[in-house]
N, C-alpha and C. Protein backbone atom coordinates (compact mmCIF):
# COMPACT_ATOMS: atom_id res chain seq x y z
N MET A 1 -86.19 25.14 -27.18
CA MET A 1 -85.71 24.33 -27.85
C MET A 1 -85.15 23.05 -27.69
N THR A 2 -85.52 22.33 -26.27
CA THR A 2 -85.57 21.51 -26.35
C THR A 2 -86.28 20.17 -26.04
N GLY A 3 -87.36 20.46 -25.77
CA GLY A 3 -88.54 20.44 -25.97
C GLY A 3 -88.87 20.06 -28.51
N THR A 4 -88.32 20.79 -28.65
CA THR A 4 -88.68 20.34 -30.57
C THR A 4 -88.73 19.35 -30.71
N PRO A 5 -89.56 18.31 -31.39
CA PRO A 5 -90.61 17.37 -31.27
C PRO A 5 -89.40 16.99 -32.59
N ILE A 6 -88.53 15.55 -32.35
CA ILE A 6 -87.52 14.70 -33.63
C ILE A 6 -87.95 13.42 -33.71
N ARG A 7 -88.21 12.97 -35.20
CA ARG A 7 -88.88 12.88 -36.51
C ARG A 7 -88.92 12.33 -37.22
N ARG A 8 -88.41 11.08 -38.05
CA ARG A 8 -87.46 10.45 -39.82
C ARG A 8 -88.13 11.57 -40.86
N ALA A 9 -87.32 11.66 -41.43
CA ALA A 9 -87.12 13.16 -42.57
C ALA A 9 -87.20 11.88 -44.00
N THR A 10 -87.85 12.44 -45.12
CA THR A 10 -88.64 12.60 -46.15
C THR A 10 -87.36 12.53 -47.31
N LEU A 11 -87.48 12.18 -47.69
CA LEU A 11 -87.06 12.10 -49.60
C LEU A 11 -87.30 13.67 -49.97
N PRO A 12 -88.02 14.06 -49.99
CA PRO A 12 -87.85 16.05 -50.15
C PRO A 12 -87.23 17.30 -49.64
N GLU A 13 -86.96 17.07 -47.61
CA GLU A 13 -86.41 17.18 -47.62
C GLU A 13 -84.89 17.14 -47.20
N VAL A 14 -84.21 16.20 -48.31
CA VAL A 14 -82.68 15.87 -48.29
C VAL A 14 -82.21 17.54 -48.52
N ARG A 15 -82.59 18.21 -49.76
CA ARG A 15 -81.94 19.24 -49.44
C ARG A 15 -81.42 20.37 -48.91
N VAL A 16 -81.81 20.71 -47.80
CA VAL A 16 -82.19 21.64 -47.28
C VAL A 16 -81.75 20.99 -45.73
N LEU A 17 -81.52 19.45 -45.75
CA LEU A 17 -80.54 18.80 -44.46
C LEU A 17 -79.38 18.59 -45.11
N ALA A 18 -78.70 18.44 -46.21
CA ALA A 18 -77.91 18.54 -46.71
C ALA A 18 -77.26 20.62 -46.55
N GLU A 19 -77.99 20.61 -47.28
CA GLU A 19 -77.28 22.60 -46.55
C GLU A 19 -77.10 22.68 -45.00
N LEU A 20 -77.03 21.97 -44.58
CA LEU A 20 -77.70 22.54 -43.01
C LEU A 20 -76.22 21.88 -43.13
N VAL A 21 -75.43 20.57 -43.12
CA VAL A 21 -74.94 19.62 -42.33
C VAL A 21 -73.93 20.92 -42.96
N ALA A 22 -74.12 20.68 -44.33
CA ALA A 22 -72.47 21.91 -45.38
C ALA A 22 -72.50 23.34 -43.93
N GLU A 23 -73.77 23.65 -43.35
CA GLU A 23 -73.64 24.96 -42.63
C GLU A 23 -72.26 24.65 -41.67
N ALA A 24 -73.40 23.83 -41.21
CA ALA A 24 -72.73 23.91 -38.85
C ALA A 24 -71.34 22.41 -39.44
N PHE A 25 -70.90 22.42 -40.93
CA PHE A 25 -69.47 21.08 -40.39
C PHE A 25 -67.92 22.31 -41.60
N GLU A 26 -68.88 23.47 -43.09
CA GLU A 26 -67.56 24.16 -42.64
C GLU A 26 -66.85 24.39 -42.01
N PRO A 27 -66.80 25.12 -40.44
CA PRO A 27 -65.39 25.26 -39.76
C PRO A 27 -64.81 24.47 -39.47
N LEU A 28 -65.38 23.08 -39.98
CA LEU A 28 -63.94 22.15 -39.54
C LEU A 28 -62.53 21.34 -40.13
N PRO A 29 -62.42 21.16 -39.50
CA PRO A 29 -60.37 21.61 -40.51
C PRO A 29 -60.65 20.49 -41.67
N VAL A 30 -60.54 19.37 -41.44
CA VAL A 30 -60.88 18.42 -42.72
C VAL A 30 -62.39 19.45 -43.46
N CYS A 31 -63.30 19.72 -43.29
CA CYS A 31 -63.88 20.46 -44.28
C CYS A 31 -63.05 21.19 -45.01
N GLN A 32 -62.29 21.98 -44.74
CA GLN A 32 -61.35 22.96 -44.64
C GLN A 32 -60.73 22.35 -45.43
N TRP A 33 -60.06 21.40 -44.99
CA TRP A 33 -58.66 20.86 -46.35
C TRP A 33 -58.94 20.37 -47.98
N LEU A 34 -60.23 19.52 -47.10
CA LEU A 34 -61.85 18.33 -48.92
C LEU A 34 -62.12 20.47 -50.03
N VAL A 35 -62.10 20.90 -48.81
CA VAL A 35 -62.14 22.53 -50.50
C VAL A 35 -61.77 23.53 -49.76
N PRO A 36 -60.26 23.72 -49.66
CA PRO A 36 -59.30 25.34 -49.38
C PRO A 36 -60.33 25.98 -49.62
N ASN A 37 -61.01 26.06 -51.10
CA ASN A 37 -60.80 27.08 -51.96
C ASN A 37 -62.96 27.94 -50.89
N PRO A 38 -62.25 29.14 -49.80
CA PRO A 38 -64.01 29.25 -49.37
C PRO A 38 -64.86 29.82 -49.83
N ALA A 39 -64.96 30.07 -51.15
CA ALA A 39 -65.87 30.95 -52.21
C ALA A 39 -66.55 29.36 -52.63
N GLU A 40 -66.12 28.76 -52.67
CA GLU A 40 -66.38 27.46 -53.44
C GLU A 40 -67.23 26.44 -52.41
N ARG A 41 -66.81 26.45 -50.39
CA ARG A 41 -66.68 25.53 -50.36
C ARG A 41 -68.39 25.56 -50.12
N ARG A 42 -68.60 26.07 -48.98
CA ARG A 42 -70.52 25.59 -48.62
C ARG A 42 -71.10 24.58 -49.90
N ARG A 43 -70.84 25.47 -51.63
CA ARG A 43 -71.53 24.61 -52.27
C ARG A 43 -71.27 23.25 -53.21
N ILE A 44 -69.86 23.23 -52.94
CA ILE A 44 -69.88 21.82 -52.15
C ILE A 44 -70.24 20.91 -51.28
N LEU A 45 -69.52 21.23 -51.21
CA LEU A 45 -70.42 20.30 -49.56
C LEU A 45 -71.04 20.04 -49.46
N GLU A 46 -71.83 21.68 -50.30
CA GLU A 46 -74.04 20.98 -49.94
C GLU A 46 -74.44 19.96 -51.06
N ASP A 47 -73.48 19.59 -52.24
CA ASP A 47 -73.90 19.11 -52.79
C ASP A 47 -73.42 17.56 -52.67
N ASP A 48 -72.06 17.43 -51.75
CA ASP A 48 -71.85 15.92 -51.57
C ASP A 48 -72.54 15.47 -50.07
N PHE A 49 -73.02 16.47 -49.67
CA PHE A 49 -73.77 16.08 -48.70
C PHE A 49 -75.20 15.23 -48.35
N GLU A 50 -75.26 15.92 -50.23
CA GLU A 50 -76.68 15.24 -50.30
C GLU A 50 -76.91 14.32 -51.41
N ILE A 51 -75.61 13.63 -51.52
CA ILE A 51 -75.63 12.62 -51.66
C ILE A 51 -75.69 11.68 -50.53
N LEU A 52 -75.33 11.70 -49.16
CA LEU A 52 -75.15 11.61 -47.93
C LEU A 52 -75.88 11.19 -47.63
N VAL A 53 -77.72 12.21 -46.83
CA VAL A 53 -78.08 11.86 -46.61
C VAL A 53 -79.19 11.91 -47.43
N ARG A 54 -79.42 11.08 -48.64
CA ARG A 54 -80.52 10.95 -49.43
C ARG A 54 -80.30 9.51 -48.84
N HIS A 55 -78.47 8.86 -49.49
CA HIS A 55 -78.78 7.55 -49.53
C HIS A 55 -78.85 6.83 -48.04
N GLY A 56 -78.94 8.16 -46.89
CA GLY A 56 -79.50 7.70 -45.45
C GLY A 56 -81.18 7.62 -45.43
N VAL A 57 -81.60 8.28 -46.17
CA VAL A 57 -83.15 7.90 -46.18
C VAL A 57 -84.05 7.31 -47.09
N GLU A 58 -82.86 6.29 -47.95
CA GLU A 58 -82.71 4.90 -49.02
C GLU A 58 -83.31 4.02 -47.92
N HIS A 59 -81.82 3.81 -47.64
CA HIS A 59 -81.25 2.77 -47.09
C HIS A 59 -80.84 2.40 -45.52
N GLY A 60 -80.97 4.15 -44.80
CA GLY A 60 -81.64 3.63 -43.27
C GLY A 60 -82.47 4.87 -42.45
N VAL A 61 -82.32 5.66 -41.41
CA VAL A 61 -82.71 5.94 -40.42
C VAL A 61 -82.28 7.67 -40.79
N VAL A 62 -83.30 8.32 -41.32
CA VAL A 62 -82.05 9.93 -40.69
C VAL A 62 -83.39 10.16 -40.37
N TYR A 63 -82.95 11.83 -38.73
CA TYR A 63 -83.88 12.22 -37.85
C TYR A 63 -83.48 13.71 -38.22
N THR A 64 -84.90 13.62 -38.04
CA THR A 64 -84.52 15.98 -37.82
C THR A 64 -85.34 16.48 -37.37
N THR A 65 -85.76 17.66 -36.82
CA THR A 65 -86.17 18.83 -36.98
C THR A 65 -87.48 19.11 -38.11
N ASP A 66 -89.52 19.81 -36.98
CA ASP A 66 -89.98 20.10 -37.69
C ASP A 66 -88.74 21.42 -38.63
N ASP A 67 -88.19 22.48 -37.84
CA ASP A 67 -87.72 23.16 -38.37
C ASP A 67 -86.36 23.19 -39.49
N HIS A 68 -85.89 21.36 -39.11
CA HIS A 68 -84.63 21.59 -39.65
C HIS A 68 -83.02 22.15 -39.61
N THR A 69 -83.14 21.82 -37.72
CA THR A 69 -82.42 23.10 -36.79
C THR A 69 -82.00 21.64 -36.27
N ALA A 70 -81.82 20.36 -36.93
CA ALA A 70 -80.97 19.38 -36.64
C ALA A 70 -81.21 18.17 -37.65
N VAL A 71 -80.52 17.30 -37.53
CA VAL A 71 -79.60 15.75 -38.39
C VAL A 71 -78.97 15.36 -38.58
N ALA A 72 -79.51 14.42 -37.73
CA ALA A 72 -78.79 12.35 -37.00
C ALA A 72 -78.74 11.49 -38.58
N VAL A 73 -77.56 11.61 -39.73
CA VAL A 73 -77.99 10.50 -39.91
C VAL A 73 -77.71 9.00 -39.76
N TRP A 74 -78.49 7.95 -40.48
CA TRP A 74 -77.69 6.64 -39.90
C TRP A 74 -78.04 5.27 -40.46
N TYR A 75 -76.86 5.01 -41.28
CA TYR A 75 -77.08 3.63 -41.86
C TYR A 75 -76.91 2.47 -41.30
N THR A 76 -78.10 2.19 -41.43
CA THR A 76 -78.46 0.50 -40.67
C THR A 76 -78.03 -0.40 -40.99
N GLY A 77 -77.55 -1.39 -40.21
CA GLY A 77 -77.26 -2.87 -40.53
C GLY A 77 -75.60 -3.33 -41.04
N ALA A 78 -75.20 -2.16 -41.39
CA ALA A 78 -73.57 -2.02 -41.47
C ALA A 78 -72.94 -3.44 -41.13
N PRO A 79 -71.99 -3.04 -41.88
CA PRO A 79 -71.17 -3.05 -43.02
C PRO A 79 -72.08 -3.48 -44.34
N GLU A 80 -72.39 -5.33 -44.06
CA GLU A 80 -72.94 -6.10 -45.12
C GLU A 80 -74.00 -5.44 -46.00
N GLY A 81 -74.84 -3.99 -44.90
CA GLY A 81 -76.99 -4.28 -44.87
C GLY A 81 -76.75 -2.60 -45.72
N VAL A 82 -75.80 -2.37 -45.87
CA VAL A 82 -75.66 -1.14 -46.82
C VAL A 82 -76.00 -1.10 -48.26
N PRO A 83 -76.41 -1.51 -49.18
CA PRO A 83 -75.76 -0.87 -50.49
C PRO A 83 -74.81 0.12 -50.73
N ASP A 84 -74.02 -0.36 -52.00
CA ASP A 84 -73.48 0.65 -51.94
C ASP A 84 -74.44 2.11 -52.87
N ILE A 85 -73.65 3.28 -52.97
CA ILE A 85 -74.00 4.04 -53.50
C ILE A 85 -74.29 4.43 -55.24
N PRO A 86 -75.38 4.25 -56.05
CA PRO A 86 -75.78 3.99 -56.98
C PRO A 86 -74.64 5.13 -57.77
N ASP A 87 -73.91 4.78 -58.33
CA ASP A 87 -73.34 5.93 -59.40
C ASP A 87 -72.71 6.97 -58.25
N TYR A 88 -71.76 5.97 -57.70
CA TYR A 88 -70.93 7.23 -56.74
C TYR A 88 -70.24 7.92 -56.91
N ASP A 89 -69.31 7.27 -58.11
CA ASP A 89 -68.04 7.54 -58.27
C ASP A 89 -68.51 8.50 -59.43
N GLU A 90 -70.08 8.79 -60.10
CA GLU A 90 -69.58 9.80 -61.52
C GLU A 90 -71.30 11.25 -59.96
N ARG A 91 -71.17 10.87 -59.58
CA ARG A 91 -71.86 12.21 -59.08
C ARG A 91 -71.15 12.17 -57.81
N LEU A 92 -70.62 12.36 -57.02
CA LEU A 92 -68.87 12.60 -56.90
C LEU A 92 -67.84 12.83 -57.22
N LEU A 93 -67.94 12.98 -58.18
CA LEU A 93 -67.70 13.55 -59.59
C LEU A 93 -68.34 14.95 -60.07
N ALA A 94 -69.78 14.61 -60.13
CA ALA A 94 -70.05 16.17 -60.70
C ALA A 94 -70.43 17.54 -58.95
N ALA A 95 -70.31 16.51 -57.98
CA ALA A 95 -71.17 17.45 -56.96
C ALA A 95 -69.55 17.71 -56.47
N CYS A 96 -68.14 17.43 -56.36
CA CYS A 96 -66.80 18.70 -55.72
C CYS A 96 -66.21 18.28 -56.96
N GLY A 97 -66.39 17.56 -59.05
CA GLY A 97 -65.30 18.31 -59.23
C GLY A 97 -63.69 18.27 -59.07
N VAL A 98 -62.96 19.34 -59.12
CA VAL A 98 -61.61 19.23 -58.82
C VAL A 98 -61.54 18.23 -57.09
N HIS A 99 -62.13 18.85 -56.61
CA HIS A 99 -61.43 18.40 -55.94
C HIS A 99 -61.71 17.41 -54.89
N THR A 100 -62.49 16.44 -56.35
CA THR A 100 -62.30 14.84 -56.32
C THR A 100 -62.27 14.41 -55.31
N PRO A 101 -60.83 14.52 -55.75
CA PRO A 101 -59.29 13.75 -55.31
C PRO A 101 -59.01 13.43 -53.94
N ARG A 102 -59.78 14.68 -53.17
CA ARG A 102 -59.45 14.90 -51.62
C ARG A 102 -60.71 14.28 -50.58
N PHE A 103 -62.06 14.68 -51.74
CA PHE A 103 -63.61 14.08 -50.89
C PHE A 103 -62.52 12.21 -51.09
N GLN A 104 -62.30 11.26 -52.10
CA GLN A 104 -61.89 10.31 -52.14
C GLN A 104 -60.80 9.41 -51.37
N GLN A 105 -59.44 10.90 -51.41
CA GLN A 105 -59.19 10.23 -49.61
C GLN A 105 -59.21 10.00 -48.71
N LEU A 106 -60.82 10.97 -48.41
CA LEU A 106 -61.14 11.15 -46.82
C LEU A 106 -61.93 9.22 -47.05
N ASP A 107 -62.67 9.25 -47.95
CA ASP A 107 -63.55 7.80 -48.11
C ASP A 107 -62.77 6.91 -48.69
N GLU A 108 -61.77 6.08 -48.04
CA GLU A 108 -60.92 6.28 -48.71
C GLU A 108 -59.87 5.19 -46.96
N ALA A 109 -59.81 6.62 -46.42
CA ALA A 109 -59.43 6.69 -44.57
C ALA A 109 -59.89 5.95 -43.52
N MET A 110 -61.45 6.46 -44.06
CA MET A 110 -62.75 6.23 -43.64
C MET A 110 -62.66 4.50 -43.74
N HIS A 111 -63.10 4.08 -45.50
CA HIS A 111 -63.57 2.71 -45.49
C HIS A 111 -62.58 2.10 -45.22
N LYS A 112 -61.46 2.24 -44.24
CA LYS A 112 -60.02 1.88 -44.09
C LYS A 112 -60.10 1.70 -42.14
N ALA A 113 -61.28 2.45 -41.29
CA ALA A 113 -60.90 2.66 -40.46
C ALA A 113 -61.97 1.40 -39.53
N HIS A 114 -63.57 1.72 -40.98
CA HIS A 114 -64.49 0.99 -40.36
C HIS A 114 -64.42 -0.18 -39.84
N PRO A 115 -65.11 -0.76 -38.98
CA PRO A 115 -64.60 -2.25 -38.94
C PRO A 115 -66.04 -3.41 -38.63
N LEU A 116 -64.81 -4.26 -39.31
CA LEU A 116 -66.13 -5.01 -39.97
C LEU A 116 -66.00 -6.70 -38.89
N HIS A 117 -65.84 -5.79 -37.20
CA HIS A 117 -66.48 -7.55 -37.01
C HIS A 117 -66.91 -7.42 -36.34
N ALA A 118 -68.05 -6.94 -36.42
CA ALA A 118 -69.86 -7.19 -35.70
C ALA A 118 -70.90 -6.49 -36.36
N PRO A 119 -72.00 -6.34 -36.98
CA PRO A 119 -72.96 -5.98 -37.41
C PRO A 119 -73.29 -4.68 -36.53
N HIS A 120 -73.73 -3.41 -37.33
CA HIS A 120 -73.62 -2.78 -36.05
C HIS A 120 -74.94 -0.87 -37.42
N ASP A 121 -75.05 -0.25 -36.42
CA ASP A 121 -75.90 1.19 -36.97
C ASP A 121 -74.12 2.50 -37.15
N HIS A 122 -74.73 2.81 -38.77
CA HIS A 122 -73.19 3.81 -38.87
C HIS A 122 -73.61 4.72 -38.58
N LEU A 123 -73.42 5.96 -37.70
CA LEU A 123 -74.23 7.53 -37.32
C LEU A 123 -72.69 8.28 -38.51
N ALA A 124 -73.32 7.90 -40.09
CA ALA A 124 -72.00 8.61 -40.95
C ALA A 124 -72.70 10.64 -40.58
N LEU A 125 -73.75 11.02 -40.18
CA LEU A 125 -73.59 12.44 -40.20
C LEU A 125 -74.90 13.24 -39.25
N LEU A 126 -74.06 13.88 -38.27
CA LEU A 126 -74.86 14.39 -37.09
C LEU A 126 -74.41 15.51 -37.10
N ALA A 127 -75.88 16.95 -37.61
CA ALA A 127 -75.65 18.27 -37.50
C ALA A 127 -76.53 18.71 -36.60
N VAL A 128 -76.41 19.81 -36.18
CA VAL A 128 -76.89 20.66 -36.09
C VAL A 128 -76.77 21.94 -35.90
N GLY A 129 -77.37 22.69 -36.72
CA GLY A 129 -76.94 24.28 -36.72
C GLY A 129 -76.57 25.10 -36.38
N PRO A 130 -75.73 26.52 -36.99
CA PRO A 130 -74.48 26.85 -35.56
C PRO A 130 -74.99 28.19 -34.38
N ARG A 131 -76.43 28.48 -35.36
CA ARG A 131 -76.86 29.04 -34.30
C ARG A 131 -77.96 28.02 -32.64
N HIS A 132 -78.74 27.45 -33.09
CA HIS A 132 -79.39 26.02 -32.95
C HIS A 132 -77.95 25.15 -31.26
N GLN A 133 -76.41 25.17 -31.34
CA GLN A 133 -75.67 24.61 -30.37
C GLN A 133 -76.00 24.59 -29.78
N GLY A 134 -75.63 24.48 -28.57
CA GLY A 134 -75.21 24.39 -27.88
C GLY A 134 -76.56 23.87 -25.92
N ALA A 135 -78.01 23.70 -26.63
CA ALA A 135 -79.46 23.70 -26.64
C ALA A 135 -79.93 22.48 -26.54
N GLY A 136 -78.92 21.15 -26.59
CA GLY A 136 -79.54 19.52 -26.63
C GLY A 136 -79.80 18.38 -27.42
N LEU A 137 -80.42 19.35 -28.42
CA LEU A 137 -80.38 19.21 -30.35
C LEU A 137 -79.34 17.17 -30.18
N GLY A 138 -78.14 17.88 -30.30
CA GLY A 138 -77.19 16.41 -30.70
C GLY A 138 -77.46 15.36 -29.63
N ALA A 139 -77.53 15.63 -28.62
CA ALA A 139 -77.53 14.33 -27.78
C ALA A 139 -78.71 13.75 -28.07
N ARG A 140 -80.16 15.03 -28.22
CA ARG A 140 -81.13 14.63 -28.16
C ARG A 140 -81.55 13.40 -29.28
N LEU A 141 -81.33 13.58 -30.52
CA LEU A 141 -80.37 13.57 -31.61
C LEU A 141 -79.97 11.50 -31.38
N LEU A 142 -79.46 11.46 -30.49
CA LEU A 142 -77.96 10.63 -30.06
C LEU A 142 -79.53 8.73 -29.28
N ASP A 143 -80.73 10.14 -28.79
CA ASP A 143 -80.44 9.70 -27.67
C ASP A 143 -81.86 9.17 -28.44
N GLU A 144 -81.86 9.30 -29.68
CA GLU A 144 -83.69 8.77 -29.84
C GLU A 144 -83.24 7.48 -30.41
N HIS A 145 -81.94 7.40 -30.89
CA HIS A 145 -81.56 6.20 -32.05
C HIS A 145 -81.09 5.02 -31.23
N HIS A 146 -79.95 5.87 -29.87
CA HIS A 146 -79.63 4.59 -28.85
C HIS A 146 -80.89 3.76 -27.93
N ALA A 147 -82.23 5.06 -27.42
CA ALA A 147 -82.93 3.46 -26.69
C ALA A 147 -82.93 2.39 -28.39
N HIS A 148 -83.46 2.78 -29.48
CA HIS A 148 -83.77 1.54 -30.23
C HIS A 148 -82.46 0.73 -30.52
N LEU A 149 -81.64 1.11 -30.36
CA LEU A 149 -79.93 0.26 -30.63
C LEU A 149 -80.25 -1.57 -29.02
N ASP A 150 -80.10 -0.07 -28.22
CA ASP A 150 -80.33 -0.50 -26.79
C ASP A 150 -80.89 -1.37 -27.01
N ARG A 151 -82.77 -1.52 -27.34
CA ARG A 151 -83.60 -1.97 -27.27
C ARG A 151 -83.28 -3.80 -28.41
N GLN A 152 -82.47 -3.30 -29.32
CA GLN A 152 -82.46 -4.33 -30.36
C GLN A 152 -81.30 -5.11 -30.00
N GLY A 153 -80.44 -4.27 -28.88
CA GLY A 153 -79.29 -5.37 -29.47
C GLY A 153 -78.02 -5.09 -29.34
N VAL A 154 -78.37 -3.67 -30.39
CA VAL A 154 -77.16 -3.35 -31.78
C VAL A 154 -76.32 -2.49 -31.09
N PRO A 155 -74.66 -2.67 -31.74
CA PRO A 155 -73.75 -1.67 -31.15
C PRO A 155 -73.56 -0.55 -32.44
N GLY A 156 -73.36 0.77 -32.55
CA GLY A 156 -73.27 1.38 -33.08
C GLY A 156 -71.83 2.28 -33.80
N TYR A 157 -71.31 2.37 -34.70
CA TYR A 157 -69.71 2.72 -35.00
C TYR A 157 -70.42 4.45 -35.92
N LEU A 158 -69.02 5.75 -35.25
CA LEU A 158 -68.72 6.63 -35.93
C LEU A 158 -68.28 7.44 -36.28
N GLU A 159 -67.44 8.28 -36.58
CA GLU A 159 -66.02 9.30 -37.01
C GLU A 159 -65.86 10.63 -36.39
N ALA A 160 -66.25 10.55 -35.13
CA ALA A 160 -65.82 11.78 -35.27
C ALA A 160 -64.60 12.85 -35.69
N SER A 161 -65.10 14.32 -35.87
CA SER A 161 -64.26 14.95 -36.89
C SER A 161 -63.82 16.10 -36.05
N SER A 162 -64.38 16.35 -34.85
CA SER A 162 -63.42 17.32 -33.86
C SER A 162 -63.23 16.85 -32.98
N PRO A 163 -62.42 17.39 -31.84
CA PRO A 163 -62.14 17.12 -30.66
C PRO A 163 -63.23 16.68 -29.53
N GLY A 164 -64.13 18.44 -29.74
CA GLY A 164 -66.23 18.46 -29.25
C GLY A 164 -66.60 17.26 -29.75
N SER A 165 -66.49 17.21 -30.81
CA SER A 165 -67.59 15.89 -31.44
C SER A 165 -67.64 14.65 -31.03
N ARG A 166 -66.02 14.62 -30.37
CA ARG A 166 -65.55 13.16 -29.34
C ARG A 166 -66.32 13.41 -28.04
N ALA A 167 -65.51 14.31 -27.42
CA ALA A 167 -66.52 14.44 -25.53
C ALA A 167 -67.95 14.74 -25.77
N LEU A 168 -69.07 15.09 -26.84
CA LEU A 168 -69.89 14.18 -26.55
C LEU A 168 -70.73 12.95 -26.71
N TYR A 169 -69.90 12.28 -28.14
CA TYR A 169 -69.88 11.37 -28.88
C TYR A 169 -69.44 10.22 -26.57
N LEU A 170 -68.21 10.75 -26.11
CA LEU A 170 -67.54 9.88 -25.36
C LEU A 170 -68.89 9.66 -24.03
N ARG A 171 -69.70 10.92 -23.31
CA ARG A 171 -70.57 11.33 -22.66
C ARG A 171 -71.80 10.45 -23.16
N HIS A 172 -71.11 9.60 -24.38
CA HIS A 172 -72.78 8.77 -25.10
C HIS A 172 -72.33 7.78 -24.55
N GLY A 173 -71.60 7.10 -23.90
CA GLY A 173 -71.84 5.41 -24.37
C GLY A 173 -70.69 5.44 -25.09
N TYR A 174 -70.22 6.57 -26.45
CA TYR A 174 -68.80 5.60 -27.08
C TYR A 174 -67.53 5.64 -26.71
N THR A 175 -66.87 4.86 -27.17
CA THR A 175 -65.49 4.49 -26.75
C THR A 175 -64.25 5.24 -27.71
N ASP A 176 -63.35 5.03 -27.23
CA ASP A 176 -62.34 4.90 -28.87
C ASP A 176 -62.08 3.91 -29.77
N LEU A 177 -61.53 3.42 -30.79
CA LEU A 177 -61.88 2.29 -31.25
C LEU A 177 -60.99 2.03 -31.66
N ASP A 178 -59.91 2.30 -32.49
CA ASP A 178 -58.66 2.41 -32.76
C ASP A 178 -58.38 3.54 -32.75
N ALA A 179 -57.31 4.10 -33.51
CA ALA A 179 -56.32 5.13 -33.07
C ALA A 179 -56.99 6.65 -33.81
N PRO A 180 -56.88 7.65 -33.26
CA PRO A 180 -57.52 8.83 -34.55
C PRO A 180 -56.37 8.34 -36.15
N PHE A 181 -56.83 9.19 -37.48
CA PHE A 181 -56.47 9.60 -38.29
C PHE A 181 -56.08 10.49 -38.57
N GLY A 182 -55.15 10.55 -39.73
CA GLY A 182 -55.01 11.72 -40.88
C GLY A 182 -55.16 11.43 -42.20
N LEU A 183 -54.62 12.97 -42.47
CA LEU A 183 -54.38 12.27 -44.28
C LEU A 183 -53.91 13.20 -45.08
N PRO A 184 -54.03 13.48 -46.17
CA PRO A 184 -52.26 13.35 -46.48
C PRO A 184 -51.85 14.77 -47.45
N ASP A 185 -51.11 15.55 -47.18
CA ASP A 185 -50.98 16.45 -48.41
C ASP A 185 -51.74 17.67 -47.17
N GLY A 186 -50.93 17.84 -46.36
CA GLY A 186 -51.03 18.85 -45.18
C GLY A 186 -52.85 18.44 -45.62
N GLY A 187 -53.19 17.12 -44.50
CA GLY A 187 -54.46 17.39 -44.50
C GLY A 187 -54.50 17.13 -42.60
N PRO A 188 -55.71 17.97 -41.64
CA PRO A 188 -55.44 18.02 -40.31
C PRO A 188 -55.38 16.27 -40.42
N ASP A 189 -54.33 16.13 -38.55
CA ASP A 189 -54.39 15.22 -37.97
C ASP A 189 -53.89 15.33 -36.98
N PRO A 190 -55.26 14.37 -35.94
CA PRO A 190 -56.09 13.71 -36.57
C PRO A 190 -56.85 14.49 -37.54
N ALA A 191 -58.10 13.83 -37.93
CA ALA A 191 -58.88 14.23 -38.77
C ALA A 191 -59.85 13.73 -37.78
N MET A 192 -60.30 12.70 -38.24
CA MET A 192 -61.17 11.45 -37.27
C MET A 192 -60.70 10.88 -35.77
N TRP A 193 -61.72 10.45 -35.69
CA TRP A 193 -61.74 10.02 -34.19
C TRP A 193 -63.05 8.30 -34.76
N PRO A 194 -61.74 7.94 -35.11
CA PRO A 194 -63.38 6.39 -34.62
C PRO A 194 -63.60 5.93 -33.14
N MET A 195 -64.71 5.45 -33.27
CA MET A 195 -65.42 5.17 -32.02
C MET A 195 -66.96 3.86 -32.22
N TRP A 196 -66.74 3.20 -30.98
CA TRP A 196 -68.13 2.16 -30.45
C TRP A 196 -69.28 1.98 -29.62
N ARG A 197 -69.75 2.54 -29.67
CA ARG A 197 -69.97 2.16 -27.91
C ARG A 197 -71.74 0.80 -28.52
N ASP A 198 -70.72 -0.16 -27.76
CA ASP A 198 -71.37 -1.24 -27.74
C ASP A 198 -72.90 -0.93 -26.94
N PRO A 199 -74.33 -1.83 -26.86
CA PRO A 199 -76.05 -1.19 -27.12
C PRO A 199 -75.68 -1.91 -24.88
N ARG A 200 -76.69 -1.03 -24.94
CA ARG A 200 -77.02 -0.88 -22.92
C ARG A 200 -77.83 -1.85 -22.64
């Protein structure tokens, strides 16, 4: 598994990669808060992540494997160099329906935490399919883009969504940028850990 080739994703792969992210992220407390009804959760997450993965393919770098067992979505040149998602409010409402206000609250919290002090690449999503976790794919996806960041002298930023993912990022040179933030209305606290990596 660790020898699986990593390559850049293309637009025709957006939906299957969104489904992969949804499958990997569905158990997270923040996703359970976003969509409390488990019968609706996977479909809504797939539709929401499709927006984000597509934006990454169009305005960043998305890495995956031929068998779509792992994906990393980077927005390059953040914050000023990443354009807004076209018609985002309408697309979010179509994807999330009555759950849209919670997705908007998460967006606002993430925007507030996002650093503005230096240009950087933003790791928006890193996901490995549940049956393939623990095989080193997440680490290889990180290494793939970190090598580029180090050559270019560019920092990296992300929000870890669990203690386990935070531990992975700490092992890859990230440090806590600020205190973790929670979410209102009974949401997980903490929900996200903002993290920063200086180039090596």
